[in-house]
Amino acid sequence: MKFYGILDSRAFFEQVQGCAGKVYRVDERGEKKDLKELAGYLMRSGLMDSFGAIPEINLALENAADFDRMLKYAFRLGRDAA
């Protein structure tokens, strides 16, 4: 699942943290990195507010309910951008 133009990284990472299963960022080589771990670190360290916008990110989700959660989030992003 690919996201574009995330302006509120805090809201995005809060959605990721709310997922029940594992969430990975998939890089251009197809390698997976644990995104929930990164989100937790950013929130705990206080670095979240300095993270900035996310122009593009590709996710892999292991849980079907999490896919629905993030899909609804993507629709809200698109609606709010219009």
PDB file of N, CA and C in Angstrom:
ATOM      1  N   MET A   1       0.860  -1.157   0.000  1.00  0.00           N
ATOM      2  CA  MET A   1       0.000   0.000   0.000  1.00  0.00           C
ATOM      3  C   MET A   1       0.911   1.224   0.000  1.00  0.00           C
ATOM      4  N   LYS A   2       0.706   2.099  -0.965  1.00  0.00           N
ATOM      5  CA  LYS A   2       1.561   3.278  -1.093  1.00  0.00           C
ATOM      6  C   LYS A   2       0.776   4.537  -0.719  1.00  0.00           C
ATOM      7  N   PHE A   3       1.440   5.398   0.054  1.00  0.00           N
ATOM      8  CA  PHE A   3       0.867   6.680   0.472  1.00  0.00           C
ATOM      9  C   PHE A   3       1.694   7.800  -0.130  1.00  0.00           C
ATOM     10  N   TYR A   4       1.013   8.880  -0.476  1.00  0.00           N
ATOM     11  CA  TYR A   4       1.667  10.068  -1.029  1.00  0.00           C
ATOM     12  C   TYR A   4       1.219  11.309  -0.263  1.00  0.00           C
ATOM     13  N   GLY A   5       2.123  12.243  -0.104  1.00  0.00           N
ATOM     14  CA  GLY A   5       1.777  13.564   0.411  1.00  0.00           C
ATOM     15  C   GLY A   5       1.265  13.591   1.836  1.00  0.00           C
ATOM     16  N   ILE A   6       1.922  12.887   2.734  1.00  0.00           N
ATOM     17  CA  ILE A   6       1.519  12.908   4.137  1.00  0.00           C
ATOM     18  C   ILE A   6       2.128  14.152   4.776  1.00  0.00           C
ATOM     19  N   LEU A   7       1.288  15.101   5.111  1.00  0.00           N
ATOM     20  CA  LEU A   7       1.760  16.354   5.695  1.00  0.00           C
ATOM     21  C   LEU A   7       1.839  16.279   7.217  1.00  0.00           C
ATOM     22  N   ASP A   8       0.964  15.493   7.829  1.00  0.00           N
ATOM     23  CA  ASP A   8       0.938  15.353   9.279  1.00  0.00           C
ATOM     24  C   ASP A   8       1.531  13.997   9.659  1.00  0.00           C
ATOM     25  N   SER A   9       2.856  13.962   9.826  1.00  0.00           N
ATOM     26  CA  SER A   9       3.523  12.694  10.116  1.00  0.00           C
ATOM     27  C   SER A   9       3.093  12.129  11.463  1.00  0.00           C
ATOM     28  N   ARG A  10       2.797  12.991  12.418  1.00  0.00           N
ATOM     29  CA  ARG A  10       2.343  12.512  13.737  1.00  0.00           C
ATOM     30  C   ARG A  10       1.060  11.696  13.589  1.00  0.00           C
ATOM     31  N   ALA A  11       0.079  12.211  12.857  1.00  0.00           N
ATOM     32  CA  ALA A  11      -1.183  11.496  12.657  1.00  0.00           C
ATOM     33  C   ALA A  11      -0.945  10.173  11.923  1.00  0.00           C
ATOM     34  N   PHE A  12      -0.047  10.184  10.949  1.00  0.00           N
ATOM     35  CA  PHE A  12       0.272   8.962  10.212  1.00  0.00           C
ATOM     36  C   PHE A  12       0.871   7.910  11.146  1.00  0.00           C
ATOM     37  N   PHE A  13       1.868   8.310  11.929  1.00  0.00           N
ATOM     38  CA  PHE A  13       2.517   7.351  12.826  1.00  0.00           C
ATOM     39  C   PHE A  13       1.581   6.893  13.942  1.00  0.00           C
ATOM     40  N   GLU A  14       0.648   7.726  14.345  1.00  0.00           N
ATOM     41  CA  GLU A  14      -0.352   7.292  15.321  1.00  0.00           C
ATOM     42  C   GLU A  14      -1.236   6.203  14.719  1.00  0.00           C
ATOM     43  N   GLN A  15      -1.572   6.337  13.437  1.00  0.00           N
ATOM     44  CA  GLN A  15      -2.339   5.287  12.759  1.00  0.00           C
ATOM     45  C   GLN A  15      -1.527   3.995  12.707  1.00  0.00           C
ATOM     46  N   VAL A  16      -0.257   4.105  12.384  1.00  0.00           N
ATOM     47  CA  VAL A  16       0.624   2.932  12.325  1.00  0.00           C
ATOM     48  C   VAL A  16       0.697   2.274  13.696  1.00  0.00           C
ATOM     49  N   GLN A  17       0.876   3.072  14.748  1.00  0.00           N
ATOM     50  CA  GLN A  17       0.961   2.534  16.110  1.00  0.00           C
ATOM     51  C   GLN A  17      -0.333   1.828  16.507  1.00  0.00           C
ATOM     52  N   GLY A  18      -1.458   2.256  15.983  1.00  0.00           N
ATOM     53  CA  GLY A  18      -2.747   1.665  16.310  1.00  0.00           C
ATOM     54  C   GLY A  18      -3.021   0.340  15.615  1.00  0.00           C
ATOM     55  N   CYS A  19      -2.172  -0.041  14.698  1.00  0.00           N
ATOM     56  CA  CYS A  19      -2.354  -1.308  13.986  1.00  0.00           C
ATOM     57  C   CYS A  19      -2.067  -2.482  14.918  1.00  0.00           C
ATOM     58  N   ALA A  20      -2.837  -3.550  14.774  1.00  0.00           N
ATOM     59  CA  ALA A  20      -2.692  -4.729  15.630  1.00  0.00           C
ATOM     60  C   ALA A  20      -1.494  -5.586  15.236  1.00  0.00           C
ATOM     61  N   GLY A  21      -1.241  -5.688  13.937  1.00  0.00           N
ATOM     62  CA  GLY A  21      -0.154  -6.526  13.444  1.00  0.00           C
ATOM     63  C   GLY A  21       1.075  -5.719  13.087  1.00  0.00           C
ATOM     64  N   LYS A  22       1.988  -6.382  12.427  1.00  0.00           N
ATOM     65  CA  LYS A  22       3.230  -5.736  12.016  1.00  0.00           C
ATOM     66  C   LYS A  22       2.986  -4.844  10.803  1.00  0.00           C
ATOM     67  N   VAL A  23       3.700  -3.713  10.800  1.00  0.00           N
ATOM     68  CA  VAL A  23       3.643  -2.763   9.685  1.00  0.00           C
ATOM     69  C   VAL A  23       5.080  -2.498   9.257  1.00  0.00           C
ATOM     70  N   TYR A  24       5.340  -2.656   7.983  1.00  0.00           N
ATOM     71  CA  TYR A  24       6.685  -2.463   7.457  1.00  0.00           C
ATOM     72  C   TYR A  24       6.698  -1.368   6.409  1.00  0.00           C
ATOM     73  N   ARG A  25       7.804  -0.636   6.375  1.00  0.00           N
ATOM     74  CA  ARG A  25       8.093   0.263   5.269  1.00  0.00           C
ATOM     75  C   ARG A  25       8.904  -0.559   4.281  1.00  0.00           C
ATOM     76  N   VAL A  26       8.490  -0.526   3.020  1.00  0.00           N
ATOM     77  CA  VAL A  26       9.187  -1.281   1.986  1.00  0.00           C
ATOM     78  C   VAL A  26       9.972  -0.291   1.136  1.00  0.00           C
ATOM     79  N   ASP A  27      11.307  -0.497   1.063  1.00  0.00           N
ATOM     80  CA  ASP A  27      12.129   0.441   0.291  1.00  0.00           C
ATOM     81  C   ASP A  27      12.153   0.047  -1.186  1.00  0.00           C
ATOM     82  N   GLU A  28      12.871   0.831  -1.962  1.00  0.00           N
ATOM     83  CA  GLU A  28      12.895   0.626  -3.419  1.00  0.00           C
ATOM     84  C   GLU A  28      13.512  -0.705  -3.831  1.00  0.00           C
ATOM     85  N   ARG A  29      14.275  -1.347  -2.941  1.00  0.00           N
ATOM     86  CA  ARG A  29      14.864  -2.666  -3.232  1.00  0.00           C
ATOM     87  C   ARG A  29      13.980  -3.806  -2.740  1.00  0.00           C
ATOM     88  N   GLY A  30      12.838  -3.446  -2.126  1.00  0.00           N
ATOM     89  CA  GLY A  30      11.928  -4.456  -1.620  1.00  0.00           C
ATOM     90  C   GLY A  30      12.231  -4.904  -0.196  1.00  0.00           C
ATOM     91  N   GLU A  31      13.204  -4.275   0.450  1.00  0.00           N
ATOM     92  CA  GLU A  31      13.545  -4.624   1.822  1.00  0.00           C
ATOM     93  C   GLU A  31      12.531  -4.016   2.781  1.00  0.00           C
ATOM     94  N   LYS A  32      12.193  -4.777   3.805  1.00  0.00           N
ATOM     95  CA  LYS A  32      11.193  -4.336   4.780  1.00  0.00           C
ATOM     96  C   LYS A  32      11.870  -3.869   6.061  1.00  0.00           C
ATOM     97  N   LYS A  33      11.394  -2.724   6.577  1.00  0.00           N
ATOM     98  CA  LYS A  33      11.851  -2.166   7.850  1.00  0.00           C
ATOM     99  C   LYS A  33      10.633  -2.007   8.752  1.00  0.00           C
ATOM    100  N   ASP A  34      10.792  -2.345  10.030  1.00  0.00           N
ATOM    101  CA  ASP A  34       9.689  -2.279  10.992  1.00  0.00           C
ATOM    102  C   ASP A  34       9.301  -0.826  11.239  1.00  0.00           C
ATOM    103  N   LEU A  35       8.140  -0.427  10.746  1.00  0.00           N
ATOM    104  CA  LEU A  35       7.690   0.957  10.871  1.00  0.00           C
ATOM    105  C   LEU A  35       7.072   1.234  12.235  1.00  0.00           C
ATOM    106  N   LYS A  36       6.476   0.235  12.859  1.00  0.00           N
ATOM    107  CA  LYS A  36       5.915   0.438  14.194  1.00  0.00           C
ATOM    108  C   LYS A  36       7.037   0.714  15.195  1.00  0.00           C
ATOM    109  N   GLU A  37       8.151   0.057  15.028  1.00  0.00           N
ATOM    110  CA  GLU A  37       9.303   0.295  15.902  1.00  0.00           C
ATOM    111  C   GLU A  37       9.802   1.730  15.744  1.00  0.00           C
ATOM    112  N   LEU A  38       9.917   2.195  14.509  1.00  0.00           N
ATOM    113  CA  LEU A  38      10.348   3.572  14.257  1.00  0.00           C
ATOM    114  C   LEU A  38       9.345   4.567  14.834  1.00  0.00           C
ATOM    115  N   ALA A  39       8.065   4.327  14.635  1.00  0.00           N
ATOM    116  CA  ALA A  39       7.037   5.224  15.159  1.00  0.00           C
ATOM    117  C   ALA A  39       7.127   5.311  16.679  1.00  0.00           C
ATOM    118  N   GLY A  40       7.303   4.182  17.327  1.00  0.00           N
ATOM    119  CA  GLY A  40       7.433   4.167  18.782  1.00  0.00           C
ATOM    120  C   GLY A  40       8.652   4.937  19.247  1.00  0.00           C
ATOM    121  N   TYR A  41       9.763   4.758  18.547  1.00  0.00           N
ATOM    122  CA  TYR A  41      10.988   5.474  18.895  1.00  0.00           C
ATOM    123  C   TYR A  41      10.799   6.990  18.747  1.00  0.00           C
ATOM    124  N   LEU A  42      10.208   7.405  17.637  1.00  0.00           N
ATOM    125  CA  LEU A  42       9.997   8.835  17.410  1.00  0.00           C
ATOM    126  C   LEU A  42       9.103   9.447  18.476  1.00  0.00           C
ATOM    127  N   MET A  43       8.080   8.714  18.878  1.00  0.00           N
ATOM    128  CA  MET A  43       7.164   9.230  19.898  1.00  0.00           C
ATOM    129  C   MET A  43       7.844   9.285  21.271  1.00  0.00           C
ATOM    130  N   ARG A  44       8.580   8.239  21.623  1.00  0.00           N
ATOM    131  CA  ARG A  44       9.249   8.196  22.932  1.00  0.00           C
ATOM    132  C   ARG A  44      10.362   9.227  23.050  1.00  0.00           C
ATOM    133  N   SER A  45      11.068   9.464  21.961  1.00  0.00           N
ATOM    134  CA  SER A  45      12.239  10.339  21.994  1.00  0.00           C
ATOM    135  C   SER A  45      11.891  11.821  21.854  1.00  0.00           C
ATOM    136  N   GLY A  46      10.643  12.115  21.495  1.00  0.00           N
ATOM    137  CA  GLY A  46      10.250  13.506  21.294  1.00  0.00           C
ATOM    138  C   GLY A  46      10.665  14.054  19.936  1.00  0.00           C
ATOM    139  N   LEU A  47      11.096  13.196  19.045  1.00  0.00           N
ATOM    140  CA  LEU A  47      11.531  13.619  17.708  1.00  0.00           C
ATOM    141  C   LEU A  47      10.391  13.686  16.699  1.00  0.00           C
ATOM    142  N   MET A  48       9.208  13.265  17.101  1.00  0.00           N
ATOM    143  CA  MET A  48       8.082  13.199  16.180  1.00  0.00           C
ATOM    144  C   MET A  48       7.800  14.546  15.510  1.00  0.00           C
ATOM    145  N   ASP A  49       7.800  15.614  16.286  1.00  0.00           N
ATOM    146  CA  ASP A  49       7.423  16.907  15.727  1.00  0.00           C
ATOM    147  C   ASP A  49       8.460  17.463  14.755  1.00  0.00           C
ATOM    148  N   SER A  50       9.680  16.953  14.804  1.00  0.00           N
ATOM    149  CA  SER A  50      10.707  17.425  13.876  1.00  0.00           C
ATOM    150  C   SER A  50      10.821  16.532  12.644  1.00  0.00           C
ATOM    151  N   PHE A  51       9.956  15.520  12.544  1.00  0.00           N
ATOM    152  CA  PHE A  51      10.051  14.561  11.436  1.00  0.00           C
ATOM    153  C   PHE A  51       9.666  15.179  10.103  1.00  0.00           C
ATOM    154  N   GLY A  52       8.643  16.008  10.073  1.00  0.00           N
ATOM    155  CA  GLY A  52       8.227  16.671   8.833  1.00  0.00           C
ATOM    156  C   GLY A  52       7.312  15.833   7.966  1.00  0.00           C
ATOM    157  N   ALA A  53       7.090  16.321   6.762  1.00  0.00           N
ATOM    158  CA  ALA A  53       6.185  15.660   5.813  1.00  0.00           C
ATOM    159  C   ALA A  53       6.819  14.393   5.243  1.00  0.00           C
ATOM    160  N   ILE A  54       5.964  13.500   4.786  1.00  0.00           N
ATOM    161  CA  ILE A  54       6.420  12.260   4.145  1.00  0.00           C
ATOM    162  C   ILE A  54       5.880  12.296   2.712  1.00  0.00           C
ATOM    163  N   PRO A  55       6.749  12.576   1.734  1.00  0.00           N
ATOM    164  CA  PRO A  55       6.260  12.697   0.352  1.00  0.00           C
ATOM    165  C   PRO A  55       5.703  11.387  -0.220  1.00  0.00           C
ATOM    166  N   GLU A  56       6.332  10.263   0.153  1.00  0.00           N
ATOM    167  CA  GLU A  56       5.900   8.971  -0.389  1.00  0.00           C
ATOM    168  C   GLU A  56       6.409   7.867   0.525  1.00  0.00           C
ATOM    169  N   ILE A  57       5.555   6.882   0.794  1.00  0.00           N
ATOM    170  CA  ILE A  57       5.966   5.728   1.593  1.00  0.00           C
ATOM    171  C   ILE A  57       5.160   4.518   1.163  1.00  0.00           C
ATOM    172  N   ASN A  58       5.831   3.385   1.072  1.00  0.00           N
ATOM    173  CA  ASN A  58       5.202   2.130   0.675  1.00  0.00           C
ATOM    174  C   ASN A  58       5.155   1.220   1.901  1.00  0.00           C
ATOM    175  N   LEU A  59       3.967   0.698   2.226  1.00  0.00           N
ATOM    176  CA  LEU A  59       3.789  -0.129   3.406  1.00  0.00           C
ATOM    177  C   LEU A  59       3.418  -1.558   3.042  1.00  0.00           C
ATOM    178  N   ALA A  60       3.832  -2.479   3.910  1.00  0.00           N
ATOM    179  CA  ALA A  60       3.371  -3.860   3.862  1.00  0.00           C
ATOM    180  C   ALA A  60       2.742  -4.141   5.217  1.00  0.00           C
ATOM    181  N   LEU A  61       1.534  -4.673   5.200  1.00  0.00           N
ATOM    182  CA  LEU A  61       0.775  -4.946   6.427  1.00  0.00           C
ATOM    183  C   LEU A  61       0.468  -6.435   6.490  1.00  0.00           C
ATOM    184  N   GLU A  62       0.617  -7.017   7.677  1.00  0.00           N
ATOM    185  CA  GLU A  62       0.377  -8.449   7.833  1.00  0.00           C
ATOM    186  C   GLU A  62      -1.049  -8.777   8.250  1.00  0.00           C
ATOM    187  N   ASN A  63      -1.793  -7.794   8.737  1.00  0.00           N
ATOM    188  CA  ASN A  63      -3.115  -8.024   9.292  1.00  0.00           C
ATOM    189  C   ASN A  63      -4.164  -7.382   8.383  1.00  0.00           C
ATOM    190  N   ALA A  64      -5.189  -8.140   8.010  1.00  0.00           N
ATOM    191  CA  ALA A  64      -6.234  -7.623   7.114  1.00  0.00           C
ATOM    192  C   ALA A  64      -6.975  -6.439   7.732  1.00  0.00           C
ATOM    193  N   ALA A  65      -7.218  -6.477   9.040  1.00  0.00           N
ATOM    194  CA  ALA A  65      -7.904  -5.364   9.709  1.00  0.00           C
ATOM    195  C   ALA A  65      -7.040  -4.102   9.650  1.00  0.00           C
ATOM    196  N   ASP A  66      -5.730  -4.274   9.719  1.00  0.00           N
ATOM    197  CA  ASP A  66      -4.825  -3.125   9.623  1.00  0.00           C
ATOM    198  C   ASP A  66      -4.854  -2.523   8.222  1.00  0.00           C
ATOM    199  N   PHE A  67      -4.998  -3.391   7.220  1.00  0.00           N
ATOM    200  CA  PHE A  67      -5.115  -2.901   5.847  1.00  0.00           C
ATOM    201  C   PHE A  67      -6.347  -2.010   5.727  1.00  0.00           C
ATOM    202  N   ASP A  68      -7.472  -2.459   6.290  1.00  0.00           N
ATOM    203  CA  ASP A  68      -8.699  -1.650   6.279  1.00  0.00           C
ATOM    204  C   ASP A  68      -8.496  -0.333   7.011  1.00  0.00           C
ATOM    205  N   ARG A  69      -7.832  -0.390   8.163  1.00  0.00           N
ATOM    206  CA  ARG A  69      -7.563   0.811   8.961  1.00  0.00           C
ATOM    207  C   ARG A  69      -6.766   1.830   8.155  1.00  0.00           C
ATOM    208  N   MET A  70      -5.702   1.370   7.518  1.00  0.00           N
ATOM    209  CA  MET A  70      -4.837   2.289   6.775  1.00  0.00           C
ATOM    210  C   MET A  70      -5.504   2.759   5.484  1.00  0.00           C
ATOM    211  N   LEU A  71      -6.347   1.923   4.884  1.00  0.00           N
ATOM    212  CA  LEU A  71      -7.083   2.322   3.694  1.00  0.00           C
ATOM    213  C   LEU A  71      -8.060   3.450   4.035  1.00  0.00           C
ATOM    214  N   LYS A  72      -8.753   3.323   5.156  1.00  0.00           N
ATOM    215  CA  LYS A  72      -9.656   4.394   5.603  1.00  0.00           C
ATOM    216  C   LYS A  72      -8.881   5.672   5.872  1.00  0.00           C
ATOM    217  N   TYR A  73      -7.703   5.544   6.462  1.00  0.00           N
ATOM    218  CA  TYR A  73      -6.842   6.701   6.696  1.00  0.00           C
ATOM    219  C   TYR A  73      -6.455   7.354   5.361  1.00  0.00           C
ATOM    220  N   ALA A  74      -6.112   6.536   4.373  1.00  0.00           N
ATOM    221  CA  ALA A  74      -5.741   7.063   3.048  1.00  0.00           C
ATOM    222  C   ALA A  74      -6.905   7.822   2.419  1.00  0.00           C
ATOM    223  N   PHE A  75      -8.116   7.302   2.553  1.00  0.00           N
ATOM    224  CA  PHE A  75      -9.291   8.000   2.016  1.00  0.00           C
ATOM    225  C   PHE A  75      -9.501   9.341   2.709  1.00  0.00           C
ATOM    226  N   ARG A  76      -9.292   9.362   4.033  1.00  0.00           N
ATOM    227  CA  ARG A  76      -9.417  10.646   4.770  1.00  0.00           C
ATOM    228  C   ARG A  76      -8.362  11.624   4.291  1.00  0.00           C
ATOM    229  N   LEU A  77      -7.148  11.136   4.028  1.00  0.00           N
ATOM    230  CA  LEU A  77      -6.082  12.020   3.517  1.00  0.00           C
ATOM    231  C   LEU A  77      -6.501  12.645   2.186  1.00  0.00           C
ATOM    232  N   GLY A  78      -7.029  11.797   1.288  1.00  0.00           N
ATOM    233  CA  GLY A  78      -7.455  12.287  -0.013  1.00  0.00           C
ATOM    234  C   GLY A  78      -8.604  13.261   0.075  1.00  0.00           C
ATOM    235  N   ARG A  79      -9.555  12.979   0.937  1.00  0.00           N
ATOM    236  CA  ARG A  79     -10.704  13.852   1.113  1.00  0.00           C
ATOM    237  C   ARG A  79     -10.271  15.195   1.694  1.00  0.00           C
ATOM    238  N   ASP A  80      -9.396  15.169   2.685  1.00  0.00           N
ATOM    239  CA  ASP A  80      -8.947  16.403   3.328  1.00  0.00           C
ATOM    240  C   ASP A  80      -8.075  17.252   2.395  1.00  0.00           C
ATOM    241  N   ALA A  81      -7.408  16.608   1.447  1.00  0.00           N
ATOM    242  CA  ALA A  81      -6.552  17.336   0.515  1.00  0.00           C
ATOM    243  C   ALA A  81      -7.365  18.041  -0.569  1.00  0.00           C
ATOM    244  N   ALA A  82      -8.573  17.543  -0.826  1.00  0.00           N
ATOM    245  CA  ALA A  82      -9.411  18.117  -1.891  1.00  0.00           C
ATOM    246  C   ALA A  82     -10.039  19.422  -1.517  1.00  0.00           C
TER     247      ALA A  82
END
